[in-house]
C-alpha atoms as a PDB file:
ATOM      1  CA  SER A   1      10.350  14.169  -3.640  1.00  0.00           C
ATOM      2  CA  LYS A   2       8.053  11.042  -3.489  1.00  0.00           C
ATOM      3  CA  GLN A   3       5.191  12.704  -5.053  1.00  0.00           C
ATOM      4  CA  MET A   4       7.260  14.072  -8.088  1.00  0.00           C
ATOM      5  CA  PHE A   5       8.558  10.196  -8.474  1.00  0.00           C
ATOM      6  CA  ARG A   6       5.026   9.248  -8.479  1.00  0.00           C
ATOM      7  CA  ASN A   7       3.531  11.802 -10.952  1.00  0.00           C
ATOM      8  CA  ALA A   8       6.532  11.266 -13.281  1.00  0.00           C
ATOM      9  CA  LEU A   9       5.892   7.042 -13.242  1.00  0.00           C
ATOM     10  CA  VAL A  10       2.117   7.666 -13.602  1.00  0.00           C
ATOM     11  CA  LYS A  11       2.448   9.749 -16.823  1.00  0.00           C
ATOM     12  CA  MET A  12       5.065   7.294 -18.097  1.00  0.00           C
ATOM     13  CA  PHE A  13       2.713   4.440 -17.683  1.00  0.00           C
ATOM     14  CA  GLU A  14      -0.406   6.413 -18.631  1.00  0.00           C
ATOM     15  CA  SER A  15       1.557   6.928 -22.243  1.00  0.00           C
ATOM     16  CA  LYS A  16       2.017   3.423 -22.668  1.00  0.00           C
ATOM     17  CA  ASP A  17      -1.925   2.795 -21.574  1.00  0.00           C
ATOM     18  CA  LEU A  18      -1.179   1.606 -18.347  1.00  0.00           C
ATOM     19  CA  ASP A  19      -2.421   2.225 -14.714  1.00  0.00           C
ATOM     20  CA  CYS A  20      -0.110   1.543 -11.719  1.00  0.00           C
ATOM     21  CA  VAL A  21      -0.326   0.910  -8.126  1.00  0.00           C
ATOM     22  CA  PHE A  22       2.419   1.782  -5.318  1.00  0.00           C
ATOM     23  CA  LEU A  23       3.092  -0.745  -2.626  1.00  0.00           C
ATOM     24  CA  GLU A  24       4.726   0.237   0.491  1.00  0.00           C
ATOM     25  CA  THR A  25       5.885  -2.541   3.309  1.00  0.00           C
ATOM     26  CA  ASN A  26       7.164  -0.984   6.338  1.00  0.00           C
ATOM     27  CA  MET A  27       8.629  -3.499   8.917  1.00  0.00           C
ATOM     28  CA  SER A  28      10.437  -2.797  11.940  1.00  0.00           C
ATOM     29  CA  VAL A  29      13.191  -5.217  12.713  1.00  0.00           C
ATOM     30  CA  LYS A  30      14.966  -4.522  16.344  1.00  0.00           C
ATOM     31  CA  LYS A  31      13.543  -0.794  16.061  1.00  0.00           C
ATOM     32  CA  ARG A  32      15.436  -0.578  12.502  1.00  0.00           C
ATOM     33  CA  TYR A  33      13.015   0.191   9.689  1.00  0.00           C
ATOM     34  CA  HIS A  34      13.119  -1.743   6.555  1.00  0.00           C
ATOM     35  CA  MET A  35      10.739   0.002   4.033  1.00  0.00           C
ATOM     36  CA  VAL A  36      10.071  -1.256   0.264  1.00  0.00           C
ATOM     37  CA  TYR A  37       8.580   1.090  -2.140  1.00  0.00           C
ATOM     38  CA  GLU A  38       7.509  -0.354  -5.447  1.00  0.00           C
ATOM     39  CA  CYS A  39       5.452   0.596  -8.362  1.00  0.00           C
ATOM     40  CA  ILE A  40       3.908  -2.206 -10.406  1.00  0.00           C
ATOM     41  CA  PRO A  41       2.352  -1.358 -13.923  1.00  0.00           C
ATOM     42  CA  LEU A  42      -1.145  -2.849 -14.561  1.00  0.00           C
ATOM     43  CA  PRO A  43      -3.321  -3.096 -17.462  1.00  0.00           C
ATOM     44  CA  LYS A  44      -6.286  -0.492 -17.238  1.00  0.00           C
ATOM     45  CA  GLU A  45      -8.999  -3.162 -16.773  1.00  0.00           C
ATOM     46  CA  VAL A  46      -6.863  -4.990 -14.063  1.00  0.00           C
ATOM     47  CA  GLY A  47      -6.189  -1.198 -12.572  1.00  0.00           C
ATOM     48  CA  ASP A  48      -9.823  -0.227 -12.537  1.00  0.00           C
ATOM     49  CA  VAL A  49     -10.679  -3.557 -10.349  1.00  0.00           C
ATOM     50  CA  ALA A  50      -7.415  -3.118  -8.032  1.00  0.00           C
ATOM     51  CA  PRO A  51      -8.918  -1.305  -5.279  1.00  0.00           C
ATOM     52  CA  ILE A  52     -11.733  -3.804  -4.892  1.00  0.00           C
ATOM     53  CA  TYR A  53      -9.187  -6.605  -4.837  1.00  0.00           C
ATOM     54  CA  PHE A  54      -6.762  -4.861  -2.372  1.00  0.00           C
ATOM     55  CA  LYS A  55      -9.550  -3.886  -0.062  1.00  0.00           C
ATOM     56  CA  LYS A  56     -10.986  -7.413   0.126  1.00  0.00           C
ATOM     57  CA  ALA A  57      -7.477  -8.832   0.710  1.00  0.00           C
ATOM     58  CA  ILE A  58      -6.681  -6.587   3.519  1.00  0.00           C
ATOM     59  CA  MET A  59     -10.048  -7.201   5.040  1.00  0.00           C
ATOM     60  CA  GLU A  60      -9.199 -10.731   4.982  1.00  0.00           C
ATOM     61  CA  SER A  61      -5.663 -10.660   6.034  1.00  0.00           C
ATOM     62  CA  ASP A  62      -4.563 -13.024   8.653  1.00  0.00           C
ATOM     63  CA  GLU A  63      -4.959 -10.993  11.896  1.00  0.00           C
ATOM     64  CA  GLU A  64      -8.355 -12.490  13.398  1.00  0.00           C
ATOM     65  CA  TRP A  65      -8.281  -9.851  16.280  1.00  0.00           C
ATOM     66  CA  SER A  66      -6.752  -6.714  15.407  1.00  0.00           C
ATOM     67  CA  MET A  67      -5.911  -3.723  17.685  1.00  0.00           C
ATOM     68  CA  ASN A  68      -5.955  -1.391  14.960  1.00  0.00           C
ATOM     69  CA  LYS A  69      -8.207  -0.755  12.475  1.00  0.00           C
ATOM     70  CA  LYS A  70      -7.796  -3.282   9.758  1.00  0.00           C
ATOM     71  CA  LEU A  71      -8.190  -0.727   6.808  1.00  0.00           C
ATOM     72  CA  ILE A  72      -7.194   2.608   6.742  1.00  0.00           C
ATOM     73  CA  ASP A  73      -8.556   4.807   3.923  1.00  0.00           C
ATOM     74  CA  LEU A  74      -5.804   6.877   2.624  1.00  0.00           C
ATOM     75  CA  SER A  75      -8.115   9.017   0.005  1.00  0.00           C
ATOM     76  CA  SER A  76      -7.555  12.185   2.057  1.00  0.00           C
ATOM     77  CA  LYS A  77      -4.602  11.867   4.007  1.00  0.00           C
ATOM     78  CA  ASP A  78      -0.665  10.527   3.679  1.00  0.00           C
ATOM     79  CA  VAL A  79       0.054   7.118   5.362  1.00  0.00           C
ATOM     80  CA  ARG A  80       2.433   8.848   7.494  1.00  0.00           C
ATOM     81  CA  LYS A  81      -0.398  10.801   9.146  1.00  0.00           C
ATOM     82  CA  SER A  82      -2.729   7.658   9.297  1.00  0.00           C
ATOM     83  CA  VAL A  83      -0.609   4.991  11.002  1.00  0.00           C
ATOM     84  CA  PRO A  84       0.421   5.417  14.588  1.00  0.00           C
ATOM     85  CA  LYS A  85       3.975   6.341  14.605  1.00  0.00           C
ATOM     86  CA  GLY A  86       6.580   3.468  14.901  1.00  0.00           C
ATOM     87  CA  LEU A  87       3.857   0.550  13.634  1.00  0.00           C
ATOM     88  CA  PRO A  88       5.083  -1.582  11.138  1.00  0.00           C
ATOM     89  CA  TYR A  89       2.461  -0.995   7.936  1.00  0.00           C
ATOM     90  CA  PHE A  90       1.553  -1.970   4.457  1.00  0.00           C
ATOM     91  CA  SER A  91      -0.099   0.703   1.954  1.00  0.00           C
ATOM     92  CA  VAL A  92      -1.155   0.636  -1.375  1.00  0.00           C
ATOM     93  CA  ASP A  93      -1.875   3.766  -3.705  1.00  0.00           C
ATOM     94  CA  PHE A  94      -3.391   3.610  -7.222  1.00  0.00           C
ATOM     95  CA  GLY A  95      -1.833   5.863  -9.561  1.00  0.00           C
ATOM     96  CA  LEU A  96      -2.095   9.349  -8.026  1.00  0.00           C
ATOM     97  CA  GLN A  97      -5.000   8.570  -5.995  1.00  0.00           C
ATOM     98  CA  GLY A  98      -4.657   7.500  -2.233  1.00  0.00           C
ATOM     99  CA  GLY A  99      -5.493   3.839  -1.155  1.00  0.00           C
ATOM    100  CA  PHE A 100      -5.377   1.919   1.697  1.00  0.00           C
ATOM    101  CA  ALA A 101      -3.294   1.086   4.628  1.00  0.00           C
ATOM    102  CA  HIS A 102      -2.989  -1.739   6.951  1.00  0.00           C
ATOM    103  CA  VAL A 103      -1.305  -1.821  10.396  1.00  0.00           C
ATOM    104  CA  ILE A 104       0.996  -5.136  10.577  1.00  0.00           C
ATOM    105  CA  GLU A 105       0.367  -6.434  14.056  1.00  0.00           C
ATOM    106  CA  ASP A 106       2.359  -9.621  13.561  1.00  0.00           C
ATOM    107  CA  GLN A 107       5.337  -9.312  11.427  1.00  0.00           C
ATOM    108  CA  HIS A 108       5.832 -13.176  11.600  1.00  0.00           C
ATOM    109  CA  LYS A 109       2.730 -13.859  10.306  1.00  0.00           C
ATOM    110  CA  PHE A 110       2.425 -11.085   7.456  1.00  0.00           C
ATOM    111  CA  PRO A 111       3.924 -12.336   4.270  1.00  0.00           C
ATOM    112  CA  TYR A 112       6.294  -9.693   2.790  1.00  0.00           C
ATOM    113  CA  TYR A 113       5.135 -10.430  -0.848  1.00  0.00           C
ATOM    114  CA  PHE A 114       1.439  -9.723   0.375  1.00  0.00           C
ATOM    115  CA  GLY A 115       1.110  -6.637  -2.091  1.00  0.00           C
ATOM    116  CA  LYS A 116       2.140  -8.688  -5.144  1.00  0.00           C
END
């Protein structure tokens, strides 16, 4: 499962004294989904401040007016239960902690490399 995969990666990076973030970008193209799931290792001091940076970047992302809440807190629930079904989204998790999700309102404006 995805959770076991995540646990294994977090443990592996911890043994190298690294943190990691998991980025998920789920776009829908003509009702066909294209999902990218990435794990990015970070030095501990970067990992410590990563939540602050991602929160700020999501809050400042290009949609001035937004139908959906801009920042969805994933600390207590999975992204699939948090984002309305069928909507494209970006999410970030920090190690084994839940992070944030963001509903992508305009797929043409939202850069696919946003997480990086």
